[in-house]
Amino acid sequence: MLYCLQLAPRPLIKPPTALLTDSGRLFREKRLYLQSLNIDTRKALNLNPSLRSTPLSSLLSLESSLASFGLSRPSIGRILDMHPILLTSDPLPPINFLLHEVSLPPPQLPQSLSRCPRLLVSSVPSQLRPALQFLTSLGLHIDCHTTVLLVSNVERTLIPKIQFLQSLGFEEKEVRRMVVRSPGLLTLSVESNMVPKLEYFLKEMKGDLKELKRFPQYFSFSLEKKIRPRHRALVRNGIKMPLSKMLKISDGEFNVRLLEMRLKRLEAR
């Protein structure tokens, strides 16, 4: 005869109440700390699940490290809220790259990181270093105003803009001079920004490409808010003005200059 032995069920082992209480308390402390930095805790936990197991001491150490490079607490909170992955990452590799390979002056570091927090989440070997090599090959000096270009992909973003300028008939040396004079060109979209402005310049303004060589900053101004309205105002009054004088001054200065030129024309009659 076979006998079936039944084992008594194992009692469910519950963690000590004190452990649950401590864990919950520590998690609440961590959330309160993140909220004190104006970080959206729900978004941060969704985008960076490993944050749940990160001790508060690590977060405090991260803030201390970033503050030691001159970042204010509000700036640190804004950066960490934009890129929650930083809460469990090491920010030192990109910072060391900026200080030692880019040779960015330490006082400029906070401004660079505040302007472009993506620098802190970009890979040094696969993104930052190749971009630096390409930009310096153009003769561009990298400072706190141009470090934003380091997060641009060389093949997909930077080279197409150089090729677009060369397609207009500019030689390589001329393109380099244009980029050095106006680094903002490399931040603009070719399709949605540069092409419409070029078409307006050539078709409506009957412009000469030589003037774009002298004033490549033209592409940095808004077509709808500045280029078209000012050009049409000049056309209505039968007045011509170089691109730099037409665009670099404020609206008030432009209107004053336009009025002065109209009065001179009337006096000359």
C-alpha atoms as a PDB file:
ATOM      1  CA  MET A   1       0.000   0.000   0.000  1.00  0.00           C
ATOM      2  CA  LEU A   2       1.299   3.411  -0.971  1.00  0.00           C
ATOM      3  CA  TYR A   3       1.066   6.234   1.434  1.00  0.00           C
ATOM      4  CA  CYS A   4       1.042   9.877   0.324  1.00  0.00           C
ATOM      5  CA  LEU A   5       2.956  12.031   2.637  1.00  0.00           C
ATOM      6  CA  GLN A   6       1.721  15.582   2.886  1.00  0.00           C
ATOM      7  CA  LEU A   7       4.159  18.155   4.056  1.00  0.00           C
ATOM      8  CA  ALA A   8       2.845  20.819   6.281  1.00  0.00           C
ATOM      9  CA  PRO A   9       2.775  24.183   4.453  1.00  0.00           C
ATOM     10  CA  ARG A  10       5.624  26.477   5.301  1.00  0.00           C
ATOM     11  CA  PRO A  11       4.589  29.513   7.237  1.00  0.00           C
ATOM     12  CA  LEU A  12       4.851  32.736   5.209  1.00  0.00           C
ATOM     13  CA  ILE A  13       7.856  34.630   6.456  1.00  0.00           C
ATOM     14  CA  LYS A  14       7.179  38.325   6.673  1.00  0.00           C
ATOM     15  CA  PRO A  15       9.922  40.903   6.932  1.00  0.00           C
ATOM     16  CA  PRO A  16      10.142  42.551  10.301  1.00  0.00           C
ATOM     17  CA  THR A  17       7.789  45.472  10.713  1.00  0.00           C
ATOM     18  CA  ALA A  18      10.712  47.676  11.683  1.00  0.00           C
ATOM     19  CA  LEU A  19      12.427  46.897   8.355  1.00  0.00           C
ATOM     20  CA  LEU A  20       9.338  47.871   6.375  1.00  0.00           C
ATOM     21  CA  THR A  21       9.008  51.039   8.387  1.00  0.00           C
ATOM     22  CA  ASP A  22      12.657  52.010   7.879  1.00  0.00           C
ATOM     23  CA  SER A  23      12.503  51.263   4.140  1.00  0.00           C
ATOM     24  CA  GLY A  24       9.374  53.363   3.692  1.00  0.00           C
ATOM     25  CA  ARG A  25      10.810  56.178   5.762  1.00  0.00           C
ATOM     26  CA  LEU A  26      14.064  56.224   3.786  1.00  0.00           C
ATOM     27  CA  PHE A  27      12.186  56.248   0.490  1.00  0.00           C
ATOM     28  CA  ARG A  28      10.044  59.160   1.660  1.00  0.00           C
ATOM     29  CA  GLU A  29      13.178  61.036   2.709  1.00  0.00           C
ATOM     30  CA  LYS A  30      14.641  60.449  -0.737  1.00  0.00           C
ATOM     31  CA  ARG A  31      11.487  61.725  -2.431  1.00  0.00           C
ATOM     32  CA  LEU A  32      11.413  64.806  -0.229  1.00  0.00           C
ATOM     33  CA  TYR A  33      15.044  65.496  -1.080  1.00  0.00           C
ATOM     34  CA  LEU A  34      14.369  65.239  -4.822  1.00  0.00           C
ATOM     35  CA  GLN A  35      11.347  67.492  -4.463  1.00  0.00           C
ATOM     36  CA  SER A  36      13.506  70.051  -2.642  1.00  0.00           C
ATOM     37  CA  LEU A  37      15.526  70.228  -5.873  1.00  0.00           C
ATOM     38  CA  ASN A  38      12.297  70.751  -7.864  1.00  0.00           C
ATOM     39  CA  ILE A  39      12.697  67.344  -9.495  1.00  0.00           C
ATOM     40  CA  ASP A  40       9.552  65.604 -10.714  1.00  0.00           C
ATOM     41  CA  THR A  41       9.932  62.395  -8.715  1.00  0.00           C
ATOM     42  CA  ARG A  42       7.341  60.438 -10.689  1.00  0.00           C
ATOM     43  CA  LYS A  43       9.034  61.254 -13.991  1.00  0.00           C
ATOM     44  CA  ALA A  44      12.469  60.578 -12.519  1.00  0.00           C
ATOM     45  CA  LEU A  45      11.451  57.145 -11.219  1.00  0.00           C
ATOM     46  CA  ASN A  46       9.780  56.229 -14.510  1.00  0.00           C
ATOM     47  CA  LEU A  47      12.784  57.239 -16.600  1.00  0.00           C
ATOM     48  CA  ASN A  48      15.356  55.883 -14.174  1.00  0.00           C
ATOM     49  CA  PRO A  49      13.950  52.868 -12.249  1.00  0.00           C
ATOM     50  CA  SER A  50      17.301  52.162 -10.596  1.00  0.00           C
ATOM     51  CA  LEU A  51      16.765  55.375  -8.658  1.00  0.00           C
ATOM     52  CA  ARG A  52      14.478  53.400  -6.316  1.00  0.00           C
ATOM     53  CA  SER A  53      17.414  51.488  -4.872  1.00  0.00           C
ATOM     54  CA  THR A  54      19.858  54.395  -4.870  1.00  0.00           C
ATOM     55  CA  PRO A  55      20.687  55.511  -1.327  1.00  0.00           C
ATOM     56  CA  LEU A  56      20.085  59.101  -0.354  1.00  0.00           C
ATOM     57  CA  SER A  57      23.772  59.448   0.485  1.00  0.00           C
ATOM     58  CA  SER A  58      24.641  58.897  -3.195  1.00  0.00           C
ATOM     59  CA  LEU A  59      22.275  61.662  -4.275  1.00  0.00           C
ATOM     60  CA  LEU A  60      23.729  64.039  -1.711  1.00  0.00           C
ATOM     61  CA  SER A  61      27.217  63.184  -2.937  1.00  0.00           C
ATOM     62  CA  LEU A  62      26.155  63.876  -6.537  1.00  0.00           C
ATOM     63  CA  GLU A  63      24.801  67.303  -5.627  1.00  0.00           C
ATOM     64  CA  SER A  64      27.974  68.091  -3.706  1.00  0.00           C
ATOM     65  CA  SER A  65      30.114  67.055  -6.671  1.00  0.00           C
ATOM     66  CA  LEU A  66      28.185  69.232  -9.143  1.00  0.00           C
ATOM     67  CA  ALA A  67      28.172  72.159  -6.722  1.00  0.00           C
ATOM     68  CA  SER A  68      31.962  71.921  -6.406  1.00  0.00           C
ATOM     69  CA  PHE A  69      32.195  72.880 -10.096  1.00  0.00           C
ATOM     70  CA  GLY A  70      30.237  76.076  -9.541  1.00  0.00           C
ATOM     71  CA  LEU A  71      26.677  74.990 -10.322  1.00  0.00           C
ATOM     72  CA  SER A  72      24.005  76.573  -8.153  1.00  0.00           C
ATOM     73  CA  ARG A  73      21.404  74.394  -6.446  1.00  0.00           C
ATOM     74  CA  PRO A  74      18.565  75.588  -8.730  1.00  0.00           C
ATOM     75  CA  SER A  75      20.729  74.798 -11.766  1.00  0.00           C
ATOM     76  CA  ILE A  76      21.541  71.345 -10.411  1.00  0.00           C
ATOM     77  CA  GLY A  77      17.860  70.636  -9.822  1.00  0.00           C
ATOM     78  CA  ARG A  78      16.906  71.791 -13.322  1.00  0.00           C
ATOM     79  CA  ILE A  79      19.639  69.672 -14.927  1.00  0.00           C
ATOM     80  CA  LEU A  80      18.723  66.551 -12.943  1.00  0.00           C
ATOM     81  CA  ASP A  81      15.029  67.052 -13.683  1.00  0.00           C
ATOM     82  CA  MET A  82      15.775  67.276 -17.413  1.00  0.00           C
ATOM     83  CA  HIS A  83      18.004  64.192 -17.356  1.00  0.00           C
ATOM     84  CA  PRO A  84      17.038  61.900 -14.433  1.00  0.00           C
ATOM     85  CA  ILE A  85      19.524  59.294 -15.648  1.00  0.00           C
ATOM     86  CA  LEU A  86      22.191  61.541 -14.141  1.00  0.00           C
ATOM     87  CA  LEU A  87      20.872  60.709 -10.683  1.00  0.00           C
ATOM     88  CA  THR A  88      22.569  57.321 -10.948  1.00  0.00           C
ATOM     89  CA  SER A  89      25.411  58.253 -13.321  1.00  0.00           C
ATOM     90  CA  ASP A  90      28.927  59.564 -12.940  1.00  0.00           C
ATOM     91  CA  PRO A  91      29.143  63.154 -14.257  1.00  0.00           C
ATOM     92  CA  LEU A  92      32.927  63.337 -13.984  1.00  0.00           C
ATOM     93  CA  PRO A  93      33.958  61.872 -17.392  1.00  0.00           C
ATOM     94  CA  PRO A  94      32.259  64.619 -19.468  1.00  0.00           C
ATOM     95  CA  ILE A  95      33.305  67.287 -16.955  1.00  0.00           C
ATOM     96  CA  ASN A  96      36.940  66.171 -17.095  1.00  0.00           C
ATOM     97  CA  PHE A  97      36.700  66.123 -20.884  1.00  0.00           C
ATOM     98  CA  LEU A  98      35.489  69.729 -20.958  1.00  0.00           C
ATOM     99  CA  LEU A  99      38.149  70.915 -18.546  1.00  0.00           C
ATOM    100  CA  HIS A 100      41.145  68.983 -19.851  1.00  0.00           C
ATOM    101  CA  GLU A 101      40.540  68.124 -23.516  1.00  0.00           C
ATOM    102  CA  VAL A 102      38.436  71.115 -24.536  1.00  0.00           C
ATOM    103  CA  SER A 103      40.498  73.253 -22.130  1.00  0.00           C
ATOM    104  CA  LEU A 104      37.382  75.086 -21.044  1.00  0.00           C
ATOM    105  CA  PRO A 105      38.235  77.644 -18.333  1.00  0.00           C
ATOM    106  CA  PRO A 106      36.703  76.419 -15.032  1.00  0.00           C
ATOM    107  CA  PRO A 107      34.648  79.621 -14.563  1.00  0.00           C
ATOM    108  CA  GLN A 108      32.901  78.860 -17.884  1.00  0.00           C
ATOM    109  CA  LEU A 109      31.934  75.311 -16.904  1.00  0.00           C
ATOM    110  CA  PRO A 110      28.704  76.164 -14.998  1.00  0.00           C
ATOM    111  CA  GLN A 111      27.457  78.281 -17.897  1.00  0.00           C
ATOM    112  CA  SER A 112      28.222  75.538 -20.410  1.00  0.00           C
ATOM    113  CA  LEU A 113      26.431  72.857 -18.380  1.00  0.00           C
ATOM    114  CA  SER A 114      23.443  75.100 -17.667  1.00  0.00           C
ATOM    115  CA  ARG A 115      23.093  75.966 -21.344  1.00  0.00           C
ATOM    116  CA  CYS A 116      23.435  72.371 -22.486  1.00  0.00           C
ATOM    117  CA  PRO A 117      22.818  69.737 -19.776  1.00  0.00           C
ATOM    118  CA  ARG A 118      23.047  67.048 -22.474  1.00  0.00           C
ATOM    119  CA  LEU A 119      26.810  67.389 -22.192  1.00  0.00           C
ATOM    120  CA  LEU A 120      26.619  65.471 -18.918  1.00  0.00           C
ATOM    121  CA  VAL A 121      24.816  62.493 -20.460  1.00  0.00           C
ATOM    122  CA  SER A 122      26.871  62.327 -23.661  1.00  0.00           C
ATOM    123  CA  SER A 123      29.520  59.678 -24.203  1.00  0.00           C
ATOM    124  CA  VAL A 124      33.035  61.076 -24.353  1.00  0.00           C
ATOM    125  CA  PRO A 125      34.510  58.536 -26.821  1.00  0.00           C
ATOM    126  CA  SER A 126      31.511  58.168 -29.149  1.00  0.00           C
ATOM    127  CA  GLN A 127      30.032  61.687 -29.109  1.00  0.00           C
ATOM    128  CA  LEU A 128      31.983  64.493 -27.456  1.00  0.00           C
ATOM    129  CA  ARG A 129      35.492  63.694 -28.662  1.00  0.00           C
ATOM    130  CA  PRO A 130      34.569  63.127 -32.359  1.00  0.00           C
ATOM    131  CA  ALA A 131      32.540  66.355 -32.348  1.00  0.00           C
ATOM    132  CA  LEU A 132      35.452  68.280 -30.827  1.00  0.00           C
ATOM    133  CA  GLN A 133      37.849  66.954 -33.451  1.00  0.00           C
ATOM    134  CA  PHE A 134      35.502  67.913 -36.280  1.00  0.00           C
ATOM    135  CA  LEU A 135      34.748  71.393 -34.946  1.00  0.00           C
ATOM    136  CA  THR A 136      38.382  72.246 -34.303  1.00  0.00           C
ATOM    137  CA  SER A 137      39.247  71.032 -37.814  1.00  0.00           C
ATOM    138  CA  LEU A 138      36.979  73.837 -39.044  1.00  0.00           C
ATOM    139  CA  GLY A 139      39.016  76.318 -37.025  1.00  0.00           C
ATOM    140  CA  LEU A 140      36.274  76.794 -34.443  1.00  0.00           C
ATOM    141  CA  HIS A 141      37.275  77.740 -30.903  1.00  0.00           C
ATOM    142  CA  ILE A 142      35.188  75.978 -28.264  1.00  0.00           C
ATOM    143  CA  ASP A 143      34.085  78.090 -25.316  1.00  0.00           C
ATOM    144  CA  CYS A 144      30.973  78.341 -23.151  1.00  0.00           C
ATOM    145  CA  HIS A 145      29.045  79.751 -26.128  1.00  0.00           C
ATOM    146  CA  THR A 146      29.896  76.891 -28.481  1.00  0.00           C
ATOM    147  CA  THR A 147      30.088  73.813 -26.212  1.00  0.00           C
ATOM    148  CA  VAL A 148      26.463  73.129 -27.197  1.00  0.00           C
ATOM    149  CA  LEU A 149      27.812  72.020 -30.585  1.00  0.00           C
ATOM    150  CA  LEU A 150      29.640  69.118 -28.935  1.00  0.00           C
ATOM    151  CA  VAL A 151      26.375  67.184 -28.534  1.00  0.00           C
ATOM    152  CA  SER A 152      25.686  67.343 -32.297  1.00  0.00           C
ATOM    153  CA  ASN A 153      26.319  64.175 -34.264  1.00  0.00           C
ATOM    154  CA  VAL A 154      29.088  64.735 -36.797  1.00  0.00           C
ATOM    155  CA  GLU A 155      27.714  62.563 -39.606  1.00  0.00           C
ATOM    156  CA  ARG A 156      24.001  63.291 -39.244  1.00  0.00           C
ATOM    157  CA  THR A 157      24.007  66.903 -38.086  1.00  0.00           C
ATOM    158  CA  LEU A 158      27.227  68.845 -38.612  1.00  0.00           C
ATOM    159  CA  ILE A 159      28.483  67.588 -41.968  1.00  0.00           C
ATOM    160  CA  PRO A 160      25.118  68.095 -43.781  1.00  0.00           C
ATOM    161  CA  LYS A 161      25.179  71.787 -42.825  1.00  0.00           C
ATOM    162  CA  ILE A 162      28.695  72.196 -44.162  1.00  0.00           C
ATOM    163  CA  GLN A 163      27.655  70.421 -47.361  1.00  0.00           C
ATOM    164  CA  PHE A 164      24.625  72.704 -47.715  1.00  0.00           C
ATOM    165  CA  LEU A 165      26.798  75.817 -47.573  1.00  0.00           C
ATOM    166  CA  GLN A 166      29.232  74.314 -50.059  1.00  0.00           C
ATOM    167  CA  SER A 167      26.326  73.490 -52.387  1.00  0.00           C
ATOM    168  CA  LEU A 168      25.687  77.231 -52.669  1.00  0.00           C
ATOM    169  CA  GLY A 169      29.039  77.612 -54.371  1.00  0.00           C
ATOM    170  CA  PHE A 170      31.107  78.563 -51.348  1.00  0.00           C
ATOM    171  CA  GLU A 171      34.588  77.091 -51.220  1.00  0.00           C
ATOM    172  CA  GLU A 172      35.751  75.081 -48.212  1.00  0.00           C
ATOM    173  CA  LYS A 173      37.828  77.974 -46.873  1.00  0.00           C
ATOM    174  CA  GLU A 174      34.877  80.333 -47.228  1.00  0.00           C
ATOM    175  CA  VAL A 175      32.575  77.938 -45.378  1.00  0.00           C
ATOM    176  CA  ARG A 176      35.089  77.637 -42.564  1.00  0.00           C
ATOM    177  CA  ARG A 177      35.283  81.409 -42.235  1.00  0.00           C
ATOM    178  CA  MET A 178      31.482  81.629 -42.203  1.00  0.00           C
ATOM    179  CA  VAL A 179      31.210  79.017 -39.453  1.00  0.00           C
ATOM    180  CA  VAL A 180      33.928  80.634 -37.348  1.00  0.00           C
ATOM    181  CA  ARG A 181      32.222  84.008 -37.744  1.00  0.00           C
ATOM    182  CA  SER A 182      28.784  82.586 -36.955  1.00  0.00           C
ATOM    183  CA  PRO A 183      28.948  79.219 -35.093  1.00  0.00           C
ATOM    184  CA  GLY A 184      25.179  79.348 -34.683  1.00  0.00           C
ATOM    185  CA  LEU A 185      24.911  78.192 -38.301  1.00  0.00           C
ATOM    186  CA  LEU A 186      25.700  74.679 -37.093  1.00  0.00           C
ATOM    187  CA  THR A 187      22.690  74.659 -34.762  1.00  0.00           C
ATOM    188  CA  LEU A 188      20.152  75.447 -37.497  1.00  0.00           C
ATOM    189  CA  SER A 189      18.027  72.963 -39.414  1.00  0.00           C
ATOM    190  CA  VAL A 190      18.848  72.915 -43.115  1.00  0.00           C
ATOM    191  CA  GLU A 191      15.341  72.006 -44.299  1.00  0.00           C
ATOM    192  CA  SER A 192      13.158  74.085 -42.000  1.00  0.00           C
ATOM    193  CA  ASN A 193      15.455  77.041 -41.361  1.00  0.00           C
ATOM    194  CA  MET A 194      18.285  77.640 -43.796  1.00  0.00           C
ATOM    195  CA  VAL A 195      16.551  76.688 -47.062  1.00  0.00           C
ATOM    196  CA  PRO A 196      13.498  78.985 -46.590  1.00  0.00           C
ATOM    197  CA  LYS A 197      15.748  81.904 -45.631  1.00  0.00           C
ATOM    198  CA  LEU A 198      18.015  81.287 -48.604  1.00  0.00           C
ATOM    199  CA  GLU A 199      15.040  81.175 -50.988  1.00  0.00           C
ATOM    200  CA  TYR A 200      13.682  84.433 -49.599  1.00  0.00           C
ATOM    201  CA  PHE A 201      17.098  86.070 -49.862  1.00  0.00           C
ATOM    202  CA  LEU A 202      17.577  85.039 -53.495  1.00  0.00           C
ATOM    203  CA  LYS A 203      14.013  85.373 -54.833  1.00  0.00           C
ATOM    204  CA  GLU A 204      12.435  88.189 -52.827  1.00  0.00           C
ATOM    205  CA  MET A 205      15.464  90.228 -51.838  1.00  0.00           C
ATOM    206  CA  LYS A 206      17.361  89.564 -55.078  1.00  0.00           C
ATOM    207  CA  GLY A 207      20.415  89.143 -52.881  1.00  0.00           C
ATOM    208  CA  ASP A 208      23.975  88.336 -53.843  1.00  0.00           C
ATOM    209  CA  LEU A 209      25.644  85.318 -52.234  1.00  0.00           C
ATOM    210  CA  LYS A 210      28.720  87.455 -51.634  1.00  0.00           C
ATOM    211  CA  GLU A 211      26.739  89.330 -49.007  1.00  0.00           C
ATOM    212  CA  LEU A 212      26.037  86.066 -47.170  1.00  0.00           C
ATOM    213  CA  LYS A 213      29.784  85.459 -47.046  1.00  0.00           C
ATOM    214  CA  ARG A 214      30.219  88.816 -45.342  1.00  0.00           C
ATOM    215  CA  PHE A 215      27.222  88.348 -43.055  1.00  0.00           C
ATOM    216  CA  PRO A 216      26.466  84.623 -42.483  1.00  0.00           C
ATOM    217  CA  GLN A 217      24.597  85.603 -39.307  1.00  0.00           C
ATOM    218  CA  TYR A 218      21.674  86.294 -41.660  1.00  0.00           C
ATOM    219  CA  PHE A 219      20.586  82.669 -41.216  1.00  0.00           C
ATOM    220  CA  SER A 220      20.343  83.122 -37.447  1.00  0.00           C
ATOM    221  CA  PHE A 221      17.577  85.740 -37.627  1.00  0.00           C
ATOM    222  CA  SER A 222      13.877  84.871 -37.737  1.00  0.00           C
ATOM    223  CA  LEU A 223      12.417  84.973 -41.230  1.00  0.00           C
ATOM    224  CA  GLU A 224       8.890  85.783 -40.066  1.00  0.00           C
ATOM    225  CA  LYS A 225       9.687  88.141 -37.205  1.00  0.00           C
ATOM    226  CA  LYS A 226      12.638  90.097 -38.530  1.00  0.00           C
ATOM    227  CA  ILE A 227      13.916  89.390 -42.062  1.00  0.00           C
ATOM    228  CA  ARG A 228      10.657  89.608 -44.029  1.00  0.00           C
ATOM    229  CA  PRO A 229       9.044  92.528 -42.099  1.00  0.00           C
ATOM    230  CA  ARG A 230      12.162  94.695 -42.282  1.00  0.00           C
ATOM    231  CA  HIS A 231      12.832  93.911 -45.918  1.00  0.00           C
ATOM    232  CA  ARG A 232       9.250  94.769 -46.853  1.00  0.00           C
ATOM    233  CA  ALA A 233       9.464  98.031 -44.902  1.00  0.00           C
ATOM    234  CA  LEU A 234      12.549  98.971 -46.903  1.00  0.00           C
ATOM    235  CA  VAL A 235      10.869  98.041 -50.188  1.00  0.00           C
ATOM    236  CA  ARG A 236       7.778 100.116 -49.380  1.00  0.00           C
ATOM    237  CA  ASN A 237       9.979 103.140 -48.815  1.00  0.00           C
ATOM    238  CA  GLY A 238      12.295 102.478 -51.739  1.00  0.00           C
ATOM    239  CA  ILE A 239      15.314 102.199 -49.457  1.00  0.00           C
ATOM    240  CA  LYS A 240      18.219  99.746 -49.598  1.00  0.00           C
ATOM    241  CA  MET A 241      20.267  98.686 -46.605  1.00  0.00           C
ATOM    242  CA  PRO A 242      23.084  96.118 -46.118  1.00  0.00           C
ATOM    243  CA  LEU A 243      22.036  92.912 -44.372  1.00  0.00           C
ATOM    244  CA  SER A 244      24.075  93.623 -41.264  1.00  0.00           C
ATOM    245  CA  LYS A 245      22.570  97.090 -40.792  1.00  0.00           C
ATOM    246  CA  MET A 246      19.086  95.812 -41.561  1.00  0.00           C
ATOM    247  CA  LEU A 247      19.146  92.972 -39.031  1.00  0.00           C
ATOM    248  CA  LYS A 248      21.622  93.617 -36.215  1.00  0.00           C
ATOM    249  CA  ILE A 249      19.896  96.660 -34.739  1.00  0.00           C
ATOM    250  CA  SER A 250      16.813  96.648 -32.501  1.00  0.00           C
ATOM    251  CA  ASP A 251      13.309  97.361 -33.787  1.00  0.00           C
ATOM    252  CA  GLY A 252      13.434 100.858 -32.330  1.00  0.00           C
ATOM    253  CA  GLU A 253      16.781 101.642 -33.933  1.00  0.00           C
ATOM    254  CA  PHE A 254      15.600 100.229 -37.256  1.00  0.00           C
ATOM    255  CA  ASN A 255      12.510 102.442 -37.261  1.00  0.00           C
ATOM    256  CA  VAL A 256      14.573 105.511 -36.360  1.00  0.00           C
ATOM    257  CA  ARG A 257      17.108 104.775 -39.087  1.00  0.00           C
ATOM    258  CA  LEU A 258      14.322 104.177 -41.595  1.00  0.00           C
ATOM    259  CA  LEU A 259      12.723 107.514 -40.702  1.00  0.00           C
ATOM    260  CA  GLU A 260      16.051 109.335 -41.005  1.00  0.00           C
ATOM    261  CA  MET A 261      16.670 107.850 -44.443  1.00  0.00           C
ATOM    262  CA  ARG A 262      13.172 108.848 -45.574  1.00  0.00           C
ATOM    263  CA  LEU A 263      13.721 112.420 -44.388  1.00  0.00           C
ATOM    264  CA  LYS A 264      17.057 112.604 -46.204  1.00  0.00           C
ATOM    265  CA  ARG A 265      15.380 111.492 -49.400  1.00  0.00           C
ATOM    266  CA  LEU A 266      12.701 114.159 -49.012  1.00  0.00           C
ATOM    267  CA  GLU A 267      15.312 116.850 -48.350  1.00  0.00           C
ATOM    268  CA  ALA A 268      17.264 115.802 -51.421  1.00  0.00           C
ATOM    269  CA  ARG A 269      14.273 116.381 -53.704  1.00  0.00           C
END
